[in-house]
Amino acid sequence: MLVLSGCADDVTADCVTAASNGSGAHQIVDDRYCGGGSHSSYFWYYGGTASNGYVRGGTTVKPGNANITSRTGKVISRGGFGNSRSGGGG
């Protein structure tokens, strides 16, 4: 018997500046900058650890099969069974 699970991981995302601070950490900015449009210097950073307005230890690659929510509560993506994988950091 085959059992399929629709469970998805929960991942936190931060909208960050494209440039890092030299130690690999990115400055966290308001979520609105990652909404597309002319804000190409900003992107979503997934799964990092935030401290003092910076985040590190995550990835710019959007995880597949994940419920992704920003730290401010904005839903970025809902994972689960049948979710397609998409890449890119925005």
C-alpha atoms as a PDB file:
ATOM      1  CA  MET A   1       0.000   0.000   0.000  1.00  0.00           C
ATOM      2  CA  LEU A   2       1.344   3.419  -1.008  1.00  0.00           C
ATOM      3  CA  VAL A   3       0.613   6.410   1.202  1.00  0.00           C
ATOM      4  CA  LEU A   4       1.155   9.921  -0.126  1.00  0.00           C
ATOM      5  CA  SER A   5       1.695  12.739   2.294  1.00  0.00           C
ATOM      6  CA  GLY A   6       0.758  16.332   1.560  1.00  0.00           C
ATOM      7  CA  CYS A   7       2.848  17.675   4.403  1.00  0.00           C
ATOM      8  CA  ALA A   8       4.981  20.689   3.705  1.00  0.00           C
ATOM      9  CA  ASP A   9       7.809  22.294   5.655  1.00  0.00           C
ATOM     10  CA  ASP A  10       7.332  25.721   7.215  1.00  0.00           C
ATOM     11  CA  VAL A  11       9.983  28.195   6.076  1.00  0.00           C
ATOM     12  CA  THR A  12      10.479  31.811   7.101  1.00  0.00           C
ATOM     13  CA  ALA A  13      11.504  34.334   4.453  1.00  0.00           C
ATOM     14  CA  ASP A  14      13.042  37.772   4.755  1.00  0.00           C
ATOM     15  CA  CYS A  15      13.095  40.508   2.120  1.00  0.00           C
ATOM     16  CA  VAL A  16      16.737  41.604   1.949  1.00  0.00           C
ATOM     17  CA  THR A  17      19.113  43.854   0.048  1.00  0.00           C
ATOM     18  CA  ALA A  18      21.185  42.242  -2.684  1.00  0.00           C
ATOM     19  CA  ALA A  19      24.500  43.326  -1.148  1.00  0.00           C
ATOM     20  CA  SER A  20      25.806  41.552   1.933  1.00  0.00           C
ATOM     21  CA  ASN A  21      27.646  43.245   4.794  1.00  0.00           C
ATOM     22  CA  GLY A  22      30.952  41.519   4.064  1.00  0.00           C
ATOM     23  CA  SER A  23      30.340  38.653   6.485  1.00  0.00           C
ATOM     24  CA  GLY A  24      27.629  37.086   4.333  1.00  0.00           C
ATOM     25  CA  ALA A  25      24.672  38.622   6.168  1.00  0.00           C
ATOM     26  CA  HIS A  26      21.992  40.545   4.273  1.00  0.00           C
ATOM     27  CA  GLN A  27      20.118  43.567   5.634  1.00  0.00           C
ATOM     28  CA  ILE A  28      16.400  42.931   6.157  1.00  0.00           C
ATOM     29  CA  VAL A  29      14.075  45.487   4.541  1.00  0.00           C
ATOM     30  CA  ASP A  30      10.308  45.937   4.329  1.00  0.00           C
ATOM     31  CA  ASP A  31       8.454  43.107   2.520  1.00  0.00           C
ATOM     32  CA  ARG A  32       7.058  45.552  -0.054  1.00  0.00           C
ATOM     33  CA  TYR A  33      10.454  45.774  -1.748  1.00  0.00           C
ATOM     34  CA  CYS A  34      10.241  42.094  -2.733  1.00  0.00           C
ATOM     35  CA  GLY A  35       6.880  42.522  -4.445  1.00  0.00           C
ATOM     36  CA  GLY A  36       8.365  42.790  -7.916  1.00  0.00           C
ATOM     37  CA  GLY A  37       8.324  45.863 -10.082  1.00  0.00           C
ATOM     38  CA  SER A  38      11.344  48.148 -10.135  1.00  0.00           C
ATOM     39  CA  HIS A  39      12.872  46.889  -6.868  1.00  0.00           C
ATOM     40  CA  SER A  40      15.458  44.591  -8.485  1.00  0.00           C
ATOM     41  CA  SER A  41      18.031  45.195  -5.736  1.00  0.00           C
ATOM     42  CA  TYR A  42      15.953  43.179  -3.257  1.00  0.00           C
ATOM     43  CA  PHE A  43      15.022  39.511  -3.025  1.00  0.00           C
ATOM     44  CA  TRP A  44      13.550  36.871  -0.720  1.00  0.00           C
ATOM     45  CA  TYR A  45      16.026  35.033   1.484  1.00  0.00           C
ATOM     46  CA  TYR A  46      14.690  31.716   2.804  1.00  0.00           C
ATOM     47  CA  GLY A  47      15.325  29.973   6.104  1.00  0.00           C
ATOM     48  CA  GLY A  48      17.987  32.208   7.578  1.00  0.00           C
ATOM     49  CA  THR A  49      18.570  33.335  11.143  1.00  0.00           C
ATOM     50  CA  ALA A  50      17.795  36.995  11.821  1.00  0.00           C
ATOM     51  CA  SER A  51      19.703  39.157  14.286  1.00  0.00           C
ATOM     52  CA  ASN A  52      19.975  42.946  14.661  1.00  0.00           C
ATOM     53  CA  GLY A  53      18.317  43.673  11.303  1.00  0.00           C
ATOM     54  CA  TYR A  54      20.421  41.193   9.316  1.00  0.00           C
ATOM     55  CA  VAL A  55      19.874  37.582   8.241  1.00  0.00           C
ATOM     56  CA  ARG A  56      22.377  34.831   7.434  1.00  0.00           C
ATOM     57  CA  GLY A  57      22.560  31.081   7.009  1.00  0.00           C
ATOM     58  CA  GLY A  58      19.689  30.762   4.540  1.00  0.00           C
ATOM     59  CA  THR A  59      19.366  30.538   0.785  1.00  0.00           C
ATOM     60  CA  THR A  60      18.134  32.557  -2.174  1.00  0.00           C
ATOM     61  CA  VAL A  61      16.686  29.413  -3.744  1.00  0.00           C
ATOM     62  CA  LYS A  62      12.949  29.141  -3.130  1.00  0.00           C
ATOM     63  CA  PRO A  63      12.325  25.789  -1.430  1.00  0.00           C
ATOM     64  CA  GLY A  64       9.810  23.474  -3.046  1.00  0.00           C
ATOM     65  CA  ASN A  65       6.940  21.906  -1.107  1.00  0.00           C
ATOM     66  CA  ALA A  66       7.109  24.501   1.657  1.00  0.00           C
ATOM     67  CA  ASN A  67       4.753  26.896   3.391  1.00  0.00           C
ATOM     68  CA  ILE A  68       6.741  30.125   3.120  1.00  0.00           C
ATOM     69  CA  THR A  69       5.794  33.104   5.267  1.00  0.00           C
ATOM     70  CA  SER A  70       7.707  36.319   5.916  1.00  0.00           C
ATOM     71  CA  ARG A  71       8.540  37.308   9.490  1.00  0.00           C
ATOM     72  CA  THR A  72       5.795  39.941   9.231  1.00  0.00           C
ATOM     73  CA  GLY A  73       3.192  37.301   8.298  1.00  0.00           C
ATOM     74  CA  LYS A  74       2.979  37.735   4.515  1.00  0.00           C
ATOM     75  CA  VAL A  75       2.297  34.386   2.807  1.00  0.00           C
ATOM     76  CA  ILE A  76       4.864  33.911   0.049  1.00  0.00           C
ATOM     77  CA  SER A  77       3.952  30.364  -0.999  1.00  0.00           C
ATOM     78  CA  ARG A  78       1.798  27.510   0.219  1.00  0.00           C
ATOM     79  CA  GLY A  79       3.332  24.068  -0.064  1.00  0.00           C
ATOM     80  CA  GLY A  80       1.707  20.688   0.006  1.00  0.00           C
ATOM     81  CA  PHE A  81       0.767  17.893  -2.323  1.00  0.00           C
ATOM     82  CA  GLY A  82       0.865  18.917  -5.968  1.00  0.00           C
ATOM     83  CA  ASN A  83       2.879  22.083  -5.408  1.00  0.00           C
ATOM     84  CA  SER A  84       5.151  22.833  -8.345  1.00  0.00           C
ATOM     85  CA  ARG A  85       8.745  23.709  -7.732  1.00  0.00           C
ATOM     86  CA  SER A  86       9.815  27.157  -8.808  1.00  0.00           C
ATOM     87  CA  GLY A  87      13.207  28.710  -8.484  1.00  0.00           C
ATOM     88  CA  GLY A  88      14.675  32.133  -8.333  1.00  0.00           C
ATOM     89  CA  GLY A  89      15.240  34.700  -5.715  1.00  0.00           C
ATOM     90  CA  GLY A  90      13.232  37.403  -7.348  1.00  0.00           C
END
